[in-house]
């Protein structure tokens, strides 16, 4: 398995460098756990492909009128839908009855 590299960037303080390295290591750990979960479910893919597929799974919220928000779910590929189902990402979607979505329109 190809492992993404940690590329250190220049920070002015030692603590910033350590925090950046910690975030990189945690990100790699999460990516490894996701890859392992998909492997267990017989869906094998490289970490790079997994990141690409996950980045394309999205939901769009449109403010149509005051108090009316429409949720649009772009079409997912078969692989994206398998990832969505295996990782049970639907549990993080807001329910239609309890969701409050705040849309920002420019100047705050």
PDB file of N, CA and C in Angstrom:
ATOM      1  N   UNK A   1       0.843  -1.172   0.000  1.00  0.00           N
ATOM      2  CA  UNK A   1       0.000   0.000   0.000  1.00  0.00           C
ATOM      3  C   UNK A   1       0.888   1.235   0.000  1.00  0.00           C
ATOM      4  N   UNK A   2       0.626   2.148  -0.934  1.00  0.00           N
ATOM      5  CA  UNK A   2       1.362   3.404  -0.957  1.00  0.00           C
ATOM      6  C   UNK A   2       0.863   4.277   0.173  1.00  0.00           C
ATOM      7  N   UNK A   3       1.790   4.796   0.928  1.00  0.00           N
ATOM      8  CA  UNK A   3       1.433   5.626   2.068  1.00  0.00           C
ATOM      9  C   UNK A   3       1.748   7.081   1.731  1.00  0.00           C
ATOM     10  N   UNK A   4       0.787   7.988   1.917  1.00  0.00           N
ATOM     11  CA  UNK A   4       1.063   9.402   1.665  1.00  0.00           C
ATOM     12  C   UNK A   4       2.201   9.877   2.563  1.00  0.00           C
ATOM     13  N   UNK A   5       2.962  10.791   2.075  1.00  0.00           N
ATOM     14  CA  UNK A   5       4.106  11.308   2.821  1.00  0.00           C
ATOM     15  C   UNK A   5       3.709  12.519   3.647  1.00  0.00           C
ATOM     16  N   UNK A   6       4.382  12.653   4.767  1.00  0.00           N
ATOM     17  CA  UNK A   6       4.223  13.859   5.581  1.00  0.00           C
ATOM     18  C   UNK A   6       5.247  14.855   5.080  1.00  0.00           C
ATOM     19  N   UNK A   7       4.773  16.000   4.648  1.00  0.00           N
ATOM     20  CA  UNK A   7       5.681  17.044   4.193  1.00  0.00           C
ATOM     21  C   UNK A   7       5.637  18.173   5.210  1.00  0.00           C
ATOM     22  N   UNK A   8       6.718  18.326   5.930  1.00  0.00           N
ATOM     23  CA  UNK A   8       6.760  19.382   6.929  1.00  0.00           C
ATOM     24  C   UNK A   8       6.833  20.744   6.256  1.00  0.00           C
ATOM     25  N   UNK A   9       6.130  21.678   6.824  1.00  0.00           N
ATOM     26  CA  UNK A   9       6.187  23.042   6.336  1.00  0.00           C
ATOM     27  C   UNK A   9       6.898  23.877   7.378  1.00  0.00           C
ATOM     28  N   UNK A  10       7.344  25.030   6.999  1.00  0.00           N
ATOM     29  CA  UNK A  10       8.101  25.865   7.932  1.00  0.00           C
ATOM     30  C   UNK A  10       7.169  26.622   8.858  1.00  0.00           C
ATOM     31  N   UNK A  11       7.388  26.445  10.120  1.00  0.00           N
ATOM     32  CA  UNK A  11       6.657  27.172  11.148  1.00  0.00           C
ATOM     33  C   UNK A  11       7.673  27.950  11.973  1.00  0.00           C
ATOM     34  N   UNK A  12       7.206  29.009  12.585  1.00  0.00           N
ATOM     35  CA  UNK A  12       8.115  29.849  13.351  1.00  0.00           C
ATOM     36  C   UNK A  12       8.421  29.292  14.729  1.00  0.00           C
ATOM     37  N   UNK A  13       7.540  28.458  15.252  1.00  0.00           N
ATOM     38  CA  UNK A  13       7.790  27.931  16.591  1.00  0.00           C
ATOM     39  C   UNK A  13       7.822  26.412  16.555  1.00  0.00           C
ATOM     40  N   UNK A  14       8.537  25.855  17.509  1.00  0.00           N
ATOM     41  CA  UNK A  14       8.664  24.407  17.612  1.00  0.00           C
ATOM     42  C   UNK A  14       7.304  23.755  17.892  1.00  0.00           C
ATOM     43  N   UNK A  15       6.476  24.401  18.728  1.00  0.00           N
ATOM     44  CA  UNK A  15       5.175  23.810  19.053  1.00  0.00           C
ATOM     45  C   UNK A  15       4.267  23.727  17.830  1.00  0.00           C
ATOM     46  N   UNK A  16       4.335  24.706  16.936  1.00  0.00           N
ATOM     47  CA  UNK A  16       3.538  24.643  15.706  1.00  0.00           C
ATOM     48  C   UNK A  16       3.961  23.471  14.831  1.00  0.00           C
ATOM     49  N   UNK A  17       5.255  23.204  14.784  1.00  0.00           N
ATOM     50  CA  UNK A  17       5.759  22.082  14.000  1.00  0.00           C
ATOM     51  C   UNK A  17       5.260  20.761  14.572  1.00  0.00           C
ATOM     52  N   UNK A  18       5.270  20.629  15.894  1.00  0.00           N
ATOM     53  CA  UNK A  18       4.789  19.397  16.535  1.00  0.00           C
ATOM     54  C   UNK A  18       3.293  19.202  16.319  1.00  0.00           C
ATOM     55  N   UNK A  19       2.526  20.283  16.400  1.00  0.00           N
ATOM     56  CA  UNK A  19       1.080  20.181  16.173  1.00  0.00           C
ATOM     57  C   UNK A  19       0.802  19.766  14.737  1.00  0.00           C
ATOM     58  N   UNK A  20       1.531  20.344  13.788  1.00  0.00           N
ATOM     59  CA  UNK A  20       1.363  19.982  12.384  1.00  0.00           C
ATOM     60  C   UNK A  20       1.691  18.502  12.171  1.00  0.00           C
ATOM     61  N   UNK A  21       2.792  18.033  12.764  1.00  0.00           N
ATOM     62  CA  UNK A  21       3.174  16.627  12.633  1.00  0.00           C
ATOM     63  C   UNK A  21       2.118  15.715  13.260  1.00  0.00           C
ATOM     64  N   UNK A  22       1.560  16.106  14.404  1.00  0.00           N
ATOM     65  CA  UNK A  22       0.517  15.315  15.060  1.00  0.00           C
ATOM     66  C   UNK A  22      -0.720  15.208  14.164  1.00  0.00           C
ATOM     67  N   UNK A  23      -1.123  16.317  13.561  1.00  0.00           N
ATOM     68  CA  UNK A  23      -2.292  16.306  12.674  1.00  0.00           C
ATOM     69  C   UNK A  23      -2.031  15.400  11.469  1.00  0.00           C
ATOM     70  N   UNK A  24      -0.818  15.438  10.934  1.00  0.00           N
ATOM     71  CA  UNK A  24      -0.478  14.567   9.799  1.00  0.00           C
ATOM     72  C   UNK A  24      -0.550  13.093  10.191  1.00  0.00           C
ATOM     73  N   UNK A  25      -0.001  12.760  11.359  1.00  0.00           N
ATOM     74  CA  UNK A  25      -0.022  11.368  11.806  1.00  0.00           C
ATOM     75  C   UNK A  25      -1.458  10.909  12.075  1.00  0.00           C
ATOM     76  N   UNK A  26      -2.270  11.753  12.700  1.00  0.00           N
ATOM     77  CA  UNK A  26      -3.673  11.397  12.946  1.00  0.00           C
ATOM     78  C   UNK A  26      -4.431  11.218  11.635  1.00  0.00           C
ATOM     79  N   UNK A  27      -4.151  12.059  10.652  1.00  0.00           N
ATOM     80  CA  UNK A  27      -4.799  11.928   9.342  1.00  0.00           C
ATOM     81  C   UNK A  27      -4.431  10.608   8.681  1.00  0.00           C
ATOM     82  N   UNK A  28      -3.158  10.247   8.766  1.00  0.00           N
ATOM     83  CA  UNK A  28      -2.725   8.966   8.201  1.00  0.00           C
ATOM     84  C   UNK A  28      -3.373   7.796   8.925  1.00  0.00           C
ATOM     85  N   UNK A  29      -3.526   7.922  10.232  1.00  0.00           N
ATOM     86  CA  UNK A  29      -4.175   6.867  11.014  1.00  0.00           C
ATOM     87  C   UNK A  29      -5.631   6.697  10.597  1.00  0.00           C
ATOM     88  N   UNK A  30      -6.346   7.793  10.453  1.00  0.00           N
ATOM     89  CA  UNK A  30      -7.751   7.725  10.028  1.00  0.00           C
ATOM     90  C   UNK A  30      -7.846   7.106   8.636  1.00  0.00           C
ATOM     91  N   UNK A  31      -6.975   7.523   7.732  1.00  0.00           N
ATOM     92  CA  UNK A  31      -6.985   6.969   6.380  1.00  0.00           C
ATOM     93  C   UNK A  31      -6.704   5.467   6.398  1.00  0.00           C
ATOM     94  N   UNK A  32      -5.773   5.033   7.232  1.00  0.00           N
ATOM     95  CA  UNK A  32      -5.456   3.602   7.354  1.00  0.00           C
ATOM     96  C   UNK A  32      -6.648   2.825   7.914  1.00  0.00           C
ATOM     97  N   UNK A  33      -7.313   3.394   8.920  1.00  0.00           N
ATOM     98  CA  UNK A  33      -8.487   2.720   9.491  1.00  0.00           C
ATOM     99  C   UNK A  33      -9.627   2.622   8.480  1.00  0.00           C
ATOM    100  N   UNK A  34      -9.834   3.670   7.690  1.00  0.00           N
ATOM    101  CA  UNK A  34     -10.867   3.620   6.656  1.00  0.00           C
ATOM    102  C   UNK A  34     -10.528   2.561   5.608  1.00  0.00           C
ATOM    103  N   UNK A  35      -9.272   2.535   5.186  1.00  0.00           N
ATOM    104  CA  UNK A  35      -8.841   1.544   4.200  1.00  0.00           C
ATOM    105  C   UNK A  35      -9.012   0.130   4.746  1.00  0.00           C
ATOM    106  N   UNK A  36      -8.668  -0.058   6.002  1.00  0.00           N
ATOM    107  CA  UNK A  36      -8.801  -1.380   6.625  1.00  0.00           C
ATOM    108  C   UNK A  36     -10.272  -1.796   6.735  1.00  0.00           C
ATOM    109  N   UNK A  37     -11.137  -0.863   7.089  1.00  0.00           N
ATOM    110  CA  UNK A  37     -12.569  -1.149   7.169  1.00  0.00           C
ATOM    111  C   UNK A  37     -13.117  -1.573   5.810  1.00  0.00           C
ATOM    112  N   UNK A  38     -12.709  -0.872   4.750  1.00  0.00           N
ATOM    113  CA  UNK A  38     -13.171  -1.223   3.410  1.00  0.00           C
ATOM    114  C   UNK A  38     -12.584  -2.569   2.963  1.00  0.00           C
ATOM    115  N   UNK A  39     -11.337  -2.833   3.329  1.00  0.00           N
ATOM    116  CA  UNK A  39     -10.731  -4.131   2.996  1.00  0.00           C
ATOM    117  C   UNK A  39     -11.503  -5.270   3.651  1.00  0.00           C
ATOM    118  N   UNK A  40     -11.924  -5.073   4.889  1.00  0.00           N
ATOM    119  CA  UNK A  40     -12.701  -6.090   5.599  1.00  0.00           C
ATOM    120  C   UNK A  40     -14.014  -6.366   4.878  1.00  0.00           C
ATOM    121  N   UNK A  41     -14.576  -5.333   4.264  1.00  0.00           N
ATOM    122  CA  UNK A  41     -15.831  -5.481   3.523  1.00  0.00           C
ATOM    123  C   UNK A  41     -15.603  -5.874   2.062  1.00  0.00           C
ATOM    124  N   UNK A  42     -14.373  -6.302   1.751  1.00  0.00           N
ATOM    125  CA  UNK A  42     -14.017  -6.772   0.403  1.00  0.00           C
ATOM    126  C   UNK A  42     -14.085  -5.666  -0.654  1.00  0.00           C
ATOM    127  N   UNK A  43     -13.848  -4.434  -0.261  1.00  0.00           N
ATOM    128  CA  UNK A  43     -13.752  -3.325  -1.208  1.00  0.00           C
ATOM    129  C   UNK A  43     -12.331  -2.777  -1.089  1.00  0.00           C
ATOM    130  N   UNK A  44     -11.452  -3.244  -1.961  1.00  0.00           N
ATOM    131  CA  UNK A  44     -10.028  -2.925  -1.868  1.00  0.00           C
ATOM    132  C   UNK A  44      -9.704  -1.729  -2.760  1.00  0.00           C
ATOM    133  N   UNK A  45      -9.043  -0.737  -2.172  1.00  0.00           N
ATOM    134  CA  UNK A  45      -8.594   0.414  -2.943  1.00  0.00           C
ATOM    135  C   UNK A  45      -7.435   1.082  -2.216  1.00  0.00           C
ATOM    136  N   UNK A  46      -6.643   1.805  -2.980  1.00  0.00           N
ATOM    137  CA  UNK A  46      -5.495   2.487  -2.398  1.00  0.00           C
ATOM    138  C   UNK A  46      -5.976   3.706  -1.602  1.00  0.00           C
ATOM    139  N   UNK A  47      -5.143   4.192  -0.681  1.00  0.00           N
ATOM    140  CA  UNK A  47      -5.527   5.384   0.078  1.00  0.00           C
ATOM    141  C   UNK A  47      -5.781   6.594  -0.814  1.00  0.00           C
ATOM    142  N   UNK A  48      -5.021   6.737  -1.890  1.00  0.00           N
ATOM    143  CA  UNK A  48      -5.229   7.874  -2.794  1.00  0.00           C
ATOM    144  C   UNK A  48      -6.588   7.809  -3.477  1.00  0.00           C
ATOM    145  N   UNK A  49      -6.959   6.607  -3.936  1.00  0.00           N
ATOM    146  CA  UNK A  49      -8.268   6.447  -4.579  1.00  0.00           C
ATOM    147  C   UNK A  49      -9.380   6.673  -3.563  1.00  0.00           C
ATOM    148  N   UNK A  50      -9.201   6.165  -2.346  1.00  0.00           N
ATOM    149  CA  UNK A  50     -10.201   6.358  -1.304  1.00  0.00           C
ATOM    150  C   UNK A  50     -10.398   7.841  -1.003  1.00  0.00           C
ATOM    151  N   UNK A  51      -9.317   8.585  -0.871  1.00  0.00           N
ATOM    152  CA  UNK A  51      -9.430  10.032  -0.624  1.00  0.00           C
ATOM    153  C   UNK A  51     -10.168  10.724  -1.756  1.00  0.00           C
ATOM    154  N   UNK A  52      -9.872  10.345  -2.992  1.00  0.00           N
ATOM    155  CA  UNK A  52     -10.529  10.952  -4.141  1.00  0.00           C
ATOM    156  C   UNK A  52     -12.034  10.648  -4.142  1.00  0.00           C
ATOM    157  N   UNK A  53     -12.384   9.388  -3.888  1.00  0.00           N
ATOM    158  CA  UNK A  53     -13.792   9.001  -3.875  1.00  0.00           C
ATOM    159  C   UNK A  53     -14.546   9.691  -2.734  1.00  0.00           C
ATOM    160  N   UNK A  54     -13.945   9.758  -1.555  1.00  0.00           N
ATOM    161  CA  UNK A  54     -14.602  10.412  -0.419  1.00  0.00           C
ATOM    162  C   UNK A  54     -14.786  11.907  -0.659  1.00  0.00           C
ATOM    163  N   UNK A  55     -13.827  12.531  -1.335  1.00  0.00           N
ATOM    164  CA  UNK A  55     -13.943  13.975  -1.573  1.00  0.00           C
ATOM    165  C   UNK A  55     -15.081  14.308  -2.528  1.00  0.00           C
ATOM    166  N   UNK A  56     -15.522  13.339  -3.326  1.00  0.00           N
ATOM    167  CA  UNK A  56     -16.613  13.568  -4.275  1.00  0.00           C
ATOM    168  C   UNK A  56     -17.995  13.291  -3.689  1.00  0.00           C
ATOM    169  N   UNK A  57     -18.081  12.728  -2.482  1.00  0.00           N
ATOM    170  CA  UNK A  57     -19.377  12.495  -1.839  1.00  0.00           C
ATOM    171  C   UNK A  57     -19.778  13.782  -1.143  1.00  0.00           C
ATOM    172  N   UNK A  58     -20.905  14.346  -1.550  1.00  0.00           N
ATOM    173  CA  UNK A  58     -21.297  15.635  -0.993  1.00  0.00           C
ATOM    174  C   UNK A  58     -22.806  15.803  -0.967  1.00  0.00           C
ATOM    175  N   UNK A  59     -23.224  16.770  -0.202  1.00  0.00           N
ATOM    176  CA  UNK A  59     -24.623  17.201  -0.176  1.00  0.00           C
ATOM    177  C   UNK A  59     -24.607  18.714  -0.299  1.00  0.00           C
ATOM    178  N   UNK A  60     -25.547  19.240  -1.027  1.00  0.00           N
ATOM    179  CA  UNK A  60     -25.626  20.685  -1.255  1.00  0.00           C
ATOM    180  C   UNK A  60     -26.948  21.187  -0.685  1.00  0.00           C
ATOM    181  N   UNK A  61     -26.900  22.280   0.051  1.00  0.00           N
ATOM    182  CA  UNK A  61     -28.096  22.879   0.633  1.00  0.00           C
ATOM    183  C   UNK A  61     -28.342  24.215  -0.048  1.00  0.00           C
ATOM    184  N   UNK A  62     -29.535  24.377  -0.601  1.00  0.00           N
ATOM    185  CA  UNK A  62     -29.901  25.597  -1.316  1.00  0.00           C
ATOM    186  C   UNK A  62     -30.983  26.344  -0.548  1.00  0.00           C
ATOM    187  N   UNK A  63     -30.782  27.618  -0.329  1.00  0.00           N
ATOM    188  CA  UNK A  63     -31.810  28.439   0.313  1.00  0.00           C
ATOM    189  C   UNK A  63     -32.705  28.979  -0.792  1.00  0.00           C
ATOM    190  N   UNK A  64     -33.913  28.415  -0.869  1.00  0.00           N
ATOM    191  CA  UNK A  64     -34.826  28.769  -1.951  1.00  0.00           C
ATOM    192  C   UNK A  64     -35.627  30.030  -1.609  1.00  0.00           C
ATOM    193  N   UNK A  65     -36.025  30.150  -0.372  1.00  0.00           N
ATOM    194  CA  UNK A  65     -36.806  31.285   0.115  1.00  0.00           C
ATOM    195  C   UNK A  65     -36.590  31.338   1.624  1.00  0.00           C
ATOM    196  N   UNK A  66     -36.981  32.434   2.268  1.00  0.00           N
ATOM    197  CA  UNK A  66     -36.819  32.483   3.723  1.00  0.00           C
ATOM    198  C   UNK A  66     -37.521  31.298   4.389  1.00  0.00           C
ATOM    199  N   UNK A  67     -36.775  30.542   5.181  1.00  0.00           N
ATOM    200  CA  UNK A  67     -37.335  29.399   5.889  1.00  0.00           C
ATOM    201  C   UNK A  67     -37.454  28.136   5.061  1.00  0.00           C
ATOM    202  N   UNK A  68     -37.055  28.177   3.794  1.00  0.00           N
ATOM    203  CA  UNK A  68     -37.167  26.996   2.937  1.00  0.00           C
ATOM    204  C   UNK A  68     -35.791  26.642   2.391  1.00  0.00           C
ATOM    205  N   UNK A  69     -35.260  25.510   2.847  1.00  0.00           N
ATOM    206  CA  UNK A  69     -33.951  25.040   2.411  1.00  0.00           C
ATOM    207  C   UNK A  69     -34.125  23.697   1.713  1.00  0.00           C
ATOM    208  N   UNK A  70     -33.566  23.595   0.542  1.00  0.00           N
ATOM    209  CA  UNK A  70     -33.670  22.364  -0.244  1.00  0.00           C
ATOM    210  C   UNK A  70     -32.327  21.650  -0.232  1.00  0.00           C
ATOM    211  N   UNK A  71     -32.365  20.365   0.050  1.00  0.00           N
ATOM    212  CA  UNK A  71     -31.158  19.547   0.064  1.00  0.00           C
ATOM    213  C   UNK A  71     -31.032  18.809  -1.260  1.00  0.00           C
ATOM    214  N   UNK A  72     -29.883  18.941  -1.902  1.00  0.00           N
ATOM    215  CA  UNK A  72     -29.626  18.291  -3.181  1.00  0.00           C
ATOM    216  C   UNK A  72     -28.484  17.303  -2.982  1.00  0.00           C
ATOM    217  N   UNK A  73     -28.716  16.064  -3.358  1.00  0.00           N
ATOM    218  CA  UNK A  73     -27.685  15.036  -3.268  1.00  0.00           C
ATOM    219  C   UNK A  73     -27.236  14.673  -4.677  1.00  0.00           C
ATOM    220  N   UNK A  74     -26.037  15.101  -5.064  1.00  0.00           N
ATOM    221  CA  UNK A  74     -25.550  14.724  -6.394  1.00  0.00           C
ATOM    222  C   UNK A  74     -25.462  13.202  -6.523  1.00  0.00           C
ATOM    223  N   UNK A  75     -25.588  12.721  -7.743  1.00  0.00           N
ATOM    224  CA  UNK A  75     -25.546  11.281  -8.017  1.00  0.00           C
ATOM    225  C   UNK A  75     -24.194  10.721  -7.608  1.00  0.00           C
ATOM    226  N   UNK A  76     -24.209   9.629  -6.871  1.00  0.00           N
ATOM    227  CA  UNK A  76     -22.972   8.957  -6.469  1.00  0.00           C
ATOM    228  C   UNK A  76     -22.684   7.810  -7.428  1.00  0.00           C
ATOM    229  N   UNK A  77     -21.395   7.560  -7.630  1.00  0.00           N
ATOM    230  CA  UNK A  77     -21.018   6.396  -8.432  1.00  0.00           C
ATOM    231  C   UNK A  77     -21.289   5.132  -7.613  1.00  0.00           C
ATOM    232  N   UNK A  78     -21.203   3.990  -8.264  1.00  0.00           N
ATOM    233  CA  UNK A  78     -21.422   2.718  -7.571  1.00  0.00           C
ATOM    234  C   UNK A  78     -20.411   2.530  -6.443  1.00  0.00           C
ATOM    235  N   UNK A  79     -19.157   2.861  -6.707  1.00  0.00           N
ATOM    236  CA  UNK A  79     -18.111   2.725  -5.687  1.00  0.00           C
ATOM    237  C   UNK A  79     -18.369   3.691  -4.536  1.00  0.00           C
ATOM    238  N   UNK A  80     -18.743   4.923  -4.855  1.00  0.00           N
ATOM    239  CA  UNK A  80     -19.041   5.903  -3.807  1.00  0.00           C
ATOM    240  C   UNK A  80     -20.210   5.446  -2.946  1.00  0.00           C
ATOM    241  N   UNK A  81     -21.225   4.859  -3.559  1.00  0.00           N
ATOM    242  CA  UNK A  81     -22.364   4.374  -2.796  1.00  0.00           C
ATOM    243  C   UNK A  81     -21.955   3.203  -1.903  1.00  0.00           C
ATOM    244  N   UNK A  82     -21.084   2.325  -2.392  1.00  0.00           N
ATOM    245  CA  UNK A  82     -20.586   1.227  -1.563  1.00  0.00           C
ATOM    246  C   UNK A  82     -19.814   1.767  -0.364  1.00  0.00           C
ATOM    247  N   UNK A  83     -18.940   2.739  -0.589  1.00  0.00           N
ATOM    248  CA  UNK A  83     -18.186   3.349   0.516  1.00  0.00           C
ATOM    249  C   UNK A  83     -19.147   3.993   1.503  1.00  0.00           C
ATOM    250  N   UNK A  84     -20.130   4.725   0.980  1.00  0.00           N
ATOM    251  CA  UNK A  84     -21.127   5.402   1.805  1.00  0.00           C
ATOM    252  C   UNK A  84     -21.862   4.405   2.696  1.00  0.00           C
ATOM    253  N   UNK A  85     -22.227   3.262   2.124  1.00  0.00           N
ATOM    254  CA  UNK A  85     -22.961   2.243   2.880  1.00  0.00           C
ATOM    255  C   UNK A  85     -22.063   1.509   3.882  1.00  0.00           C
ATOM    256  N   UNK A  86     -20.854   1.135   3.464  1.00  0.00           N
ATOM    257  CA  UNK A  86     -19.952   0.398   4.351  1.00  0.00           C
ATOM    258  C   UNK A  86     -19.569   1.244   5.564  1.00  0.00           C
ATOM    259  N   UNK A  87     -19.264   2.510   5.336  1.00  0.00           N
ATOM    260  CA  UNK A  87     -18.860   3.395   6.429  1.00  0.00           C
ATOM    261  C   UNK A  87     -20.055   3.999   7.164  1.00  0.00           C
ATOM    262  N   UNK A  88     -21.259   3.666   6.707  1.00  0.00           N
ATOM    263  CA  UNK A  88     -22.513   4.165   7.299  1.00  0.00           C
ATOM    264  C   UNK A  88     -22.496   5.689   7.448  1.00  0.00           C
ATOM    265  N   UNK A  89     -22.146   6.374   6.362  1.00  0.00           N
ATOM    266  CA  UNK A  89     -22.054   7.826   6.394  1.00  0.00           C
ATOM    267  C   UNK A  89     -23.421   8.500   6.488  1.00  0.00           C
ATOM    268  N   UNK A  90     -24.473   7.765   6.164  1.00  0.00           N
ATOM    269  CA  UNK A  90     -25.816   8.314   6.259  1.00  0.00           C
ATOM    270  C   UNK A  90     -26.205   8.714   7.671  1.00  0.00           C
ATOM    271  N   UNK A  91     -25.560   8.134   8.664  1.00  0.00           N
ATOM    272  CA  UNK A  91     -25.892   8.479  10.056  1.00  0.00           C
ATOM    273  C   UNK A  91     -25.480   9.897  10.415  1.00  0.00           C
ATOM    274  N   UNK A  92     -24.631  10.524   9.590  1.00  0.00           N
ATOM    275  CA  UNK A  92     -24.203  11.893   9.855  1.00  0.00           C
ATOM    276  C   UNK A  92     -25.042  12.931   9.122  1.00  0.00           C
ATOM    277  N   UNK A  93     -25.967  12.468   8.297  1.00  0.00           N
ATOM    278  CA  UNK A  93     -26.835  13.398   7.595  1.00  0.00           C
ATOM    279  C   UNK A  93     -27.890  13.922   8.553  1.00  0.00           C
ATOM    280  N   UNK A  94     -28.184  15.211   8.486  1.00  0.00           N
ATOM    281  CA  UNK A  94     -29.241  15.736   9.356  1.00  0.00           C
ATOM    282  C   UNK A  94     -30.594  15.208   8.916  1.00  0.00           C
ATOM    283  N   UNK A  95     -31.461  14.956   9.887  1.00  0.00           N
ATOM    284  CA  UNK A  95     -32.806  14.508   9.531  1.00  0.00           C
ATOM    285  C   UNK A  95     -33.594  15.709   9.014  1.00  0.00           C
ATOM    286  N   UNK A  96     -34.579  15.452   8.226  1.00  0.00           N
ATOM    287  CA  UNK A  96     -35.349  16.551   7.621  1.00  0.00           C
ATOM    288  C   UNK A  96     -36.159  17.317   8.662  1.00  0.00           C
ATOM    289  N   UNK A  97     -36.519  16.683   9.773  1.00  0.00           N
ATOM    290  CA  UNK A  97     -37.366  17.359  10.750  1.00  0.00           C
ATOM    291  C   UNK A  97     -36.572  18.162  11.773  1.00  0.00           C
ATOM    292  N   UNK A  98     -35.334  17.762  12.063  1.00  0.00           N
ATOM    293  CA  UNK A  98     -34.589  18.440  13.111  1.00  0.00           C
ATOM    294  C   UNK A  98     -33.413  19.257  12.596  1.00  0.00           C
ATOM    295  N   UNK A  99     -33.179  19.253  11.308  1.00  0.00           N
ATOM    296  CA  UNK A  99     -31.984  19.920  10.784  1.00  0.00           C
ATOM    297  C   UNK A  99     -32.169  21.427  10.708  1.00  0.00           C
ATOM    298  N   UNK A 100     -31.180  22.144  11.155  1.00  0.00           N
ATOM    299  CA  UNK A 100     -31.103  23.579  10.968  1.00  0.00           C
ATOM    300  C   UNK A 100     -29.822  23.838  10.202  1.00  0.00           C
ATOM    301  N   UNK A 101     -29.960  24.371   9.010  1.00  0.00           N
ATOM    302  CA  UNK A 101     -28.793  24.637   8.186  1.00  0.00           C
ATOM    303  C   UNK A 101     -28.663  26.139   8.047  1.00  0.00           C
ATOM    304  N   UNK A 102     -27.513  26.664   8.442  1.00  0.00           N
ATOM    305  CA  UNK A 102     -27.245  28.091   8.348  1.00  0.00           C
ATOM    306  C   UNK A 102     -26.419  28.351   7.093  1.00  0.00           C
ATOM    307  N   UNK A 103     -26.971  29.124   6.197  1.00  0.00           N
ATOM    308  CA  UNK A 103     -26.249  29.489   4.976  1.00  0.00           C
ATOM    309  C   UNK A 103     -25.717  30.899   5.146  1.00  0.00           C
ATOM    310  N   UNK A 104     -24.449  31.082   4.869  1.00  0.00           N
ATOM    311  CA  UNK A 104     -23.834  32.405   4.982  1.00  0.00           C
ATOM    312  C   UNK A 104     -23.870  33.067   3.614  1.00  0.00           C
ATOM    313  N   UNK A 105     -24.272  34.324   3.589  1.00  0.00           N
ATOM    314  CA  UNK A 105     -24.423  35.022   2.327  1.00  0.00           C
ATOM    315  C   UNK A 105     -23.484  36.220   2.252  1.00  0.00           C
ATOM    316  N   UNK A 106     -22.220  35.974   2.248  1.00  0.00           N
ATOM    317  CA  UNK A 106     -21.267  37.054   2.019  1.00  0.00           C
ATOM    318  C   UNK A 106     -20.744  37.721   3.273  1.00  0.00           C
ATOM    319  N   UNK A 107     -21.303  38.854   3.630  1.00  0.00           N
ATOM    320  CA  UNK A 107     -20.728  39.707   4.669  1.00  0.00           C
ATOM    321  C   UNK A 107     -21.067  39.289   6.079  1.00  0.00           C
ATOM    322  N   UNK A 108     -21.484  38.099   6.294  1.00  0.00           N
ATOM    323  CA  UNK A 108     -21.692  37.584   7.642  1.00  0.00           C
ATOM    324  C   UNK A 108     -23.060  37.793   8.112  1.00  0.00           C
TER     325      UNK A 108
END
